[in-house]
C-alpha atoms as a PDB file:
ATOM      1  CA  UNK A   1     -80.684 195.563 119.773  1.00  0.00           C
ATOM      2  CA  UNK A   2     -81.044 193.587 122.904  1.00  0.00           C
ATOM      3  CA  UNK A   3     -78.182 193.726 125.414  1.00  0.00           C
ATOM      4  CA  UNK A   4     -76.806 190.711 127.402  1.00  0.00           C
ATOM      5  CA  UNK A   5     -77.484 191.091 131.024  1.00  0.00           C
ATOM      6  CA  UNK A   6     -74.362 192.160 132.884  1.00  0.00           C
ATOM      7  CA  UNK A   7     -73.372 189.690 135.628  1.00  0.00           C
ATOM      8  CA  UNK A   8     -73.178 192.268 138.416  1.00  0.00           C
ATOM      9  CA  UNK A   9     -72.357 189.498 140.865  1.00  0.00           C
ATOM     10  CA  UNK A  10     -69.044 188.941 139.040  1.00  0.00           C
ATOM     11  CA  UNK A  11     -68.056 192.691 139.037  1.00  0.00           C
ATOM     12  CA  UNK A  12     -65.836 193.927 141.809  1.00  0.00           C
ATOM     13  CA  UNK A  13     -64.510 197.310 142.784  1.00  0.00           C
ATOM     14  CA  UNK A  14     -61.338 197.657 144.749  1.00  0.00           C
ATOM     15  CA  UNK A  15     -62.134 198.538 148.335  1.00  0.00           C
ATOM     16  CA  UNK A  16     -61.904 202.319 148.675  1.00  0.00           C
ATOM     17  CA  UNK A  17     -61.535 202.956 144.926  1.00  0.00           C
ATOM     18  CA  UNK A  18     -62.173 206.486 143.987  1.00  0.00           C
ATOM     19  CA  UNK A  19     -64.677 207.250 141.282  1.00  0.00           C
ATOM     20  CA  UNK A  20     -63.343 207.508 137.724  1.00  0.00           C
ATOM     21  CA  UNK A  21     -61.296 210.663 136.999  1.00  0.00           C
ATOM     22  CA  UNK A  22     -62.745 213.088 134.512  1.00  0.00           C
ATOM     23  CA  UNK A  23     -59.897 212.619 131.943  1.00  0.00           C
ATOM     24  CA  UNK A  24     -60.740 208.973 131.298  1.00  0.00           C
ATOM     25  CA  UNK A  25     -64.405 209.880 130.497  1.00  0.00           C
ATOM     26  CA  UNK A  26     -65.696 206.637 131.937  1.00  0.00           C
ATOM     27  CA  UNK A  27     -69.376 206.499 132.906  1.00  0.00           C
ATOM     28  CA  UNK A  28     -70.110 204.918 136.227  1.00  0.00           C
ATOM     29  CA  UNK A  29     -73.575 203.402 136.512  1.00  0.00           C
ATOM     30  CA  UNK A  30     -75.031 202.443 139.921  1.00  0.00           C
ATOM     31  CA  UNK A  31     -71.517 202.699 141.522  1.00  0.00           C
ATOM     32  CA  UNK A  32     -70.557 199.371 139.908  1.00  0.00           C
ATOM     33  CA  UNK A  33     -71.200 199.201 136.163  1.00  0.00           C
ATOM     34  CA  UNK A  34     -68.468 200.889 134.080  1.00  0.00           C
ATOM     35  CA  UNK A  35     -69.119 202.144 130.592  1.00  0.00           C
ATOM     36  CA  UNK A  36     -66.091 202.932 128.475  1.00  0.00           C
ATOM     37  CA  UNK A  37     -66.697 205.928 126.242  1.00  0.00           C
ATOM     38  CA  UNK A  38     -63.250 206.247 124.674  1.00  0.00           C
ATOM     39  CA  UNK A  39     -60.223 203.989 124.261  1.00  0.00           C
ATOM     40  CA  UNK A  40     -57.052 204.531 122.271  1.00  0.00           C
ATOM     41  CA  UNK A  41     -54.535 202.335 120.454  1.00  0.00           C
ATOM     42  CA  UNK A  42     -50.772 203.004 121.053  1.00  0.00           C
ATOM     43  CA  UNK A  43     -50.918 205.363 118.007  1.00  0.00           C
ATOM     44  CA  UNK A  44     -53.850 207.369 119.442  1.00  0.00           C
ATOM     45  CA  UNK A  45     -56.748 206.145 117.369  1.00  0.00           C
ATOM     46  CA  UNK A  46     -59.987 206.244 119.269  1.00  0.00           C
ATOM     47  CA  UNK A  47     -61.560 202.825 118.912  1.00  0.00           C
ATOM     48  CA  UNK A  48     -65.033 203.578 120.342  1.00  0.00           C
ATOM     49  CA  UNK A  49     -67.304 203.957 117.379  1.00  0.00           C
ATOM     50  CA  UNK A  50     -71.004 204.089 116.563  1.00  0.00           C
ATOM     51  CA  UNK A  51     -70.482 203.064 112.990  1.00  0.00           C
ATOM     52  CA  UNK A  52     -69.534 199.437 113.788  1.00  0.00           C
ATOM     53  CA  UNK A  53     -72.319 198.583 116.166  1.00  0.00           C
ATOM     54  CA  UNK A  54     -74.395 199.703 119.139  1.00  0.00           C
ATOM     55  CA  UNK A  55     -74.943 198.026 122.522  1.00  0.00           C
ATOM     56  CA  UNK A  56     -78.100 199.229 124.257  1.00  0.00           C
ATOM     57  CA  UNK A  57     -77.783 202.367 122.083  1.00  0.00           C
ATOM     58  CA  UNK A  58     -74.153 202.942 123.023  1.00  0.00           C
ATOM     59  CA  UNK A  59     -71.092 202.679 120.647  1.00  0.00           C
ATOM     60  CA  UNK A  60     -68.829 199.696 120.990  1.00  0.00           C
ATOM     61  CA  UNK A  61     -65.049 199.068 121.120  1.00  0.00           C
ATOM     62  CA  UNK A  62     -63.700 198.273 117.583  1.00  0.00           C
ATOM     63  CA  UNK A  63     -60.749 195.897 117.385  1.00  0.00           C
ATOM     64  CA  UNK A  64     -58.939 193.699 114.883  1.00  0.00           C
ATOM     65  CA  UNK A  65     -58.287 190.018 115.991  1.00  0.00           C
ATOM     66  CA  UNK A  66     -56.178 187.358 114.273  1.00  0.00           C
ATOM     67  CA  UNK A  67     -55.037 183.795 115.110  1.00  0.00           C
ATOM     68  CA  UNK A  68     -52.232 183.952 112.512  1.00  0.00           C
ATOM     69  CA  UNK A  69     -54.408 182.325 109.824  1.00  0.00           C
ATOM     70  CA  UNK A  70     -57.662 184.195 109.975  1.00  0.00           C
ATOM     71  CA  UNK A  71     -58.383 187.760 110.945  1.00  0.00           C
ATOM     72  CA  UNK A  72     -61.383 190.053 111.238  1.00  0.00           C
ATOM     73  CA  UNK A  73     -62.906 192.950 113.069  1.00  0.00           C
ATOM     74  CA  UNK A  74     -64.866 192.527 116.301  1.00  0.00           C
ATOM     75  CA  UNK A  75     -66.827 195.119 118.321  1.00  0.00           C
ATOM     76  CA  UNK A  76     -66.971 194.662 122.071  1.00  0.00           C
ATOM     77  CA  UNK A  77     -69.734 195.972 124.319  1.00  0.00           C
ATOM     78  CA  UNK A  78     -68.602 199.205 126.085  1.00  0.00           C
ATOM     79  CA  UNK A  79     -70.080 197.911 129.372  1.00  0.00           C
ATOM     80  CA  UNK A  80     -67.466 196.261 131.567  1.00  0.00           C
ATOM     81  CA  UNK A  81     -68.682 192.772 132.305  1.00  0.00           C
ATOM     82  CA  UNK A  82     -71.020 192.529 129.283  1.00  0.00           C
ATOM     83  CA  UNK A  83     -69.559 189.805 126.982  1.00  0.00           C
ATOM     84  CA  UNK A  84     -71.646 190.792 123.924  1.00  0.00           C
ATOM     85  CA  UNK A  85     -69.700 191.183 120.714  1.00  0.00           C
ATOM     86  CA  UNK A  86     -70.409 191.801 117.067  1.00  0.00           C
ATOM     87  CA  UNK A  87     -68.585 191.007 113.848  1.00  0.00           C
ATOM     88  CA  UNK A  88     -65.953 188.341 113.376  1.00  0.00           C
ATOM     89  CA  UNK A  89     -66.521 185.987 116.239  1.00  0.00           C
ATOM     90  CA  UNK A  90     -65.603 182.660 114.689  1.00  0.00           C
ATOM     91  CA  UNK A  91     -62.577 181.712 116.892  1.00  0.00           C
ATOM     92  CA  UNK A  92     -62.814 178.585 119.122  1.00  0.00           C
ATOM     93  CA  UNK A  93     -62.708 179.446 122.864  1.00  0.00           C
ATOM     94  CA  UNK A  94     -59.071 179.068 124.100  1.00  0.00           C
ATOM     95  CA  UNK A  95     -57.516 180.317 120.876  1.00  0.00           C
ATOM     96  CA  UNK A  96     -54.712 182.794 121.433  1.00  0.00           C
ATOM     97  CA  UNK A  97     -55.318 185.834 119.242  1.00  0.00           C
ATOM     98  CA  UNK A  98     -53.345 188.953 118.329  1.00  0.00           C
ATOM     99  CA  UNK A  99     -55.438 192.036 119.206  1.00  0.00           C
ATOM    100  CA  UNK A 100     -54.624 195.199 117.242  1.00  0.00           C
ATOM    101  CA  UNK A 101     -55.895 198.499 116.078  1.00  0.00           C
ATOM    102  CA  UNK A 102     -58.220 198.052 113.121  1.00  0.00           C
ATOM    103  CA  UNK A 103     -57.018 201.427 111.676  1.00  0.00           C
ATOM    104  CA  UNK A 104     -53.145 201.117 111.918  1.00  0.00           C
ATOM    105  CA  UNK A 105     -52.791 197.406 112.723  1.00  0.00           C
ATOM    106  CA  UNK A 106     -50.400 198.128 115.652  1.00  0.00           C
ATOM    107  CA  UNK A 107     -50.710 195.325 118.269  1.00  0.00           C
ATOM    108  CA  UNK A 108     -51.955 196.285 121.715  1.00  0.00           C
ATOM    109  CA  UNK A 109     -49.070 196.345 124.276  1.00  0.00           C
ATOM    110  CA  UNK A 110     -48.710 193.495 126.734  1.00  0.00           C
ATOM    111  CA  UNK A 111     -49.246 194.343 130.344  1.00  0.00           C
ATOM    112  CA  UNK A 112     -48.907 191.074 132.243  1.00  0.00           C
ATOM    113  CA  UNK A 113     -49.845 187.345 132.212  1.00  0.00           C
ATOM    114  CA  UNK A 114     -53.580 186.865 132.601  1.00  0.00           C
ATOM    115  CA  UNK A 115     -54.741 184.918 135.694  1.00  0.00           C
ATOM    116  CA  UNK A 116     -56.340 182.388 133.286  1.00  0.00           C
ATOM    117  CA  UNK A 117     -52.832 181.005 132.815  1.00  0.00           C
ATOM    118  CA  UNK A 118     -53.173 180.753 129.068  1.00  0.00           C
ATOM    119  CA  UNK A 119     -52.614 184.300 127.755  1.00  0.00           C
ATOM    120  CA  UNK A 120     -51.517 187.834 128.373  1.00  0.00           C
ATOM    121  CA  UNK A 121     -53.371 190.987 129.351  1.00  0.00           C
ATOM    122  CA  UNK A 122     -53.123 193.697 126.684  1.00  0.00           C
ATOM    123  CA  UNK A 123     -53.920 197.377 127.068  1.00  0.00           C
ATOM    124  CA  UNK A 124     -56.254 199.912 125.548  1.00  0.00           C
ATOM    125  CA  UNK A 125     -55.563 203.388 126.782  1.00  0.00           C
ATOM    126  CA  UNK A 126     -58.336 205.476 128.343  1.00  0.00           C
ATOM    127  CA  UNK A 127     -56.877 208.854 127.534  1.00  0.00           C
ATOM    128  CA  UNK A 128     -55.519 210.420 124.273  1.00  0.00           C
ATOM    129  CA  UNK A 129     -52.259 210.992 126.149  1.00  0.00           C
ATOM    130  CA  UNK A 130     -51.772 207.202 126.400  1.00  0.00           C
ATOM    131  CA  UNK A 131     -51.253 207.186 130.175  1.00  0.00           C
ATOM    132  CA  UNK A 132     -49.992 203.784 131.254  1.00  0.00           C
ATOM    133  CA  UNK A 133     -51.990 203.939 134.514  1.00  0.00           C
ATOM    134  CA  UNK A 134     -55.215 204.583 132.747  1.00  0.00           C
ATOM    135  CA  UNK A 135     -56.054 201.491 130.787  1.00  0.00           C
ATOM    136  CA  UNK A 136     -58.557 198.745 129.982  1.00  0.00           C
ATOM    137  CA  UNK A 137     -56.856 195.377 130.270  1.00  0.00           C
ATOM    138  CA  UNK A 138     -58.118 192.479 128.074  1.00  0.00           C
ATOM    139  CA  UNK A 139     -56.972 188.863 127.834  1.00  0.00           C
ATOM    140  CA  UNK A 140     -55.639 187.763 124.362  1.00  0.00           C
ATOM    141  CA  UNK A 141     -57.262 184.327 124.708  1.00  0.00           C
ATOM    142  CA  UNK A 142     -60.593 184.140 122.864  1.00  0.00           C
ATOM    143  CA  UNK A 143     -63.267 183.303 125.314  1.00  0.00           C
ATOM    144  CA  UNK A 144     -61.428 184.474 128.435  1.00  0.00           C
ATOM    145  CA  UNK A 145     -63.503 187.251 129.888  1.00  0.00           C
ATOM    146  CA  UNK A 146     -61.152 188.404 132.597  1.00  0.00           C
ATOM    147  CA  UNK A 147     -60.713 192.143 132.249  1.00  0.00           C
ATOM    148  CA  UNK A 148     -59.827 195.116 134.361  1.00  0.00           C
ATOM    149  CA  UNK A 149     -60.189 198.817 134.264  1.00  0.00           C
ATOM    150  CA  UNK A 150     -57.425 200.917 135.823  1.00  0.00           C
ATOM    151  CA  UNK A 151     -57.616 204.651 136.475  1.00  0.00           C
ATOM    152  CA  UNK A 152     -54.346 206.327 137.595  1.00  0.00           C
ATOM    153  CA  UNK A 153     -52.895 202.852 138.302  1.00  0.00           C
ATOM    154  CA  UNK A 154     -55.651 202.002 140.722  1.00  0.00           C
ATOM    155  CA  UNK A 155     -58.043 199.172 140.024  1.00  0.00           C
ATOM    156  CA  UNK A 156     -61.355 200.651 139.249  1.00  0.00           C
ATOM    157  CA  UNK A 157     -63.222 197.582 138.235  1.00  0.00           C
ATOM    158  CA  UNK A 158     -62.564 193.933 137.441  1.00  0.00           C
ATOM    159  CA  UNK A 159     -64.526 191.167 135.864  1.00  0.00           C
ATOM    160  CA  UNK A 160     -63.763 187.779 137.365  1.00  0.00           C
ATOM    161  CA  UNK A 161     -64.491 184.315 136.045  1.00  0.00           C
ATOM    162  CA  UNK A 162     -66.504 181.880 138.186  1.00  0.00           C
ATOM    163  CA  UNK A 163     -63.378 179.936 139.161  1.00  0.00           C
ATOM    164  CA  UNK A 164     -61.457 183.065 140.326  1.00  0.00           C
ATOM    165  CA  UNK A 165     -62.126 184.331 143.806  1.00  0.00           C
ATOM    166  CA  UNK A 166     -62.468 188.071 144.428  1.00  0.00           C
ATOM    167  CA  UNK A 167     -59.571 187.892 146.942  1.00  0.00           C
ATOM    168  CA  UNK A 168     -57.057 187.713 144.014  1.00  0.00           C
ATOM    169  CA  UNK A 169     -57.763 191.428 143.258  1.00  0.00           C
ATOM    170  CA  UNK A 170     -55.816 193.621 145.584  1.00  0.00           C
ATOM    171  CA  UNK A 171     -55.360 197.393 146.124  1.00  0.00           C
ATOM    172  CA  UNK A 172     -51.661 197.214 145.193  1.00  0.00           C
ATOM    173  CA  UNK A 173     -52.115 195.353 141.952  1.00  0.00           C
ATOM    174  CA  UNK A 174     -50.620 197.295 138.952  1.00  0.00           C
ATOM    175  CA  UNK A 175     -51.136 196.115 135.426  1.00  0.00           C
ATOM    176  CA  UNK A 176     -47.573 196.343 134.249  1.00  0.00           C
ATOM    177  CA  UNK A 177     -44.248 194.898 135.205  1.00  0.00           C
END
């Protein structure tokens, strides 16, 4: 399966960010590209699975999405900044969706408003202990690709849209309120 080219020019690391800690089991490629190898819902289900699709030979992140009328399963690329996805992808860009665990249907917890101004950032935990400072943050607006990876409450990596300047990402930013 071909993989969409990662827009490395839109990936940013917080200045002075430490490499990922061992407990999050994130792979760091070329000091910029982040590969998520495990993520957990609030009930502890690991949502990285080979059985739902591979991206450049690597297992994707399995989620359930719903707009209140229709719902389905989607698998996201595990590479931060790669927008490839498989499965149910029939929502119109700009549609607000509920993102939940496909196993237990628990919604992902809200972290903060997204800088797109239309939705909220929701969390997938990077450790089985569900540490609040170790998360992948995704926007709940279909088509918004803003996302962030936090390790021990420090910004490890962020994907920015073309209209969002890198200066908006700061060392002190924390995903929760």
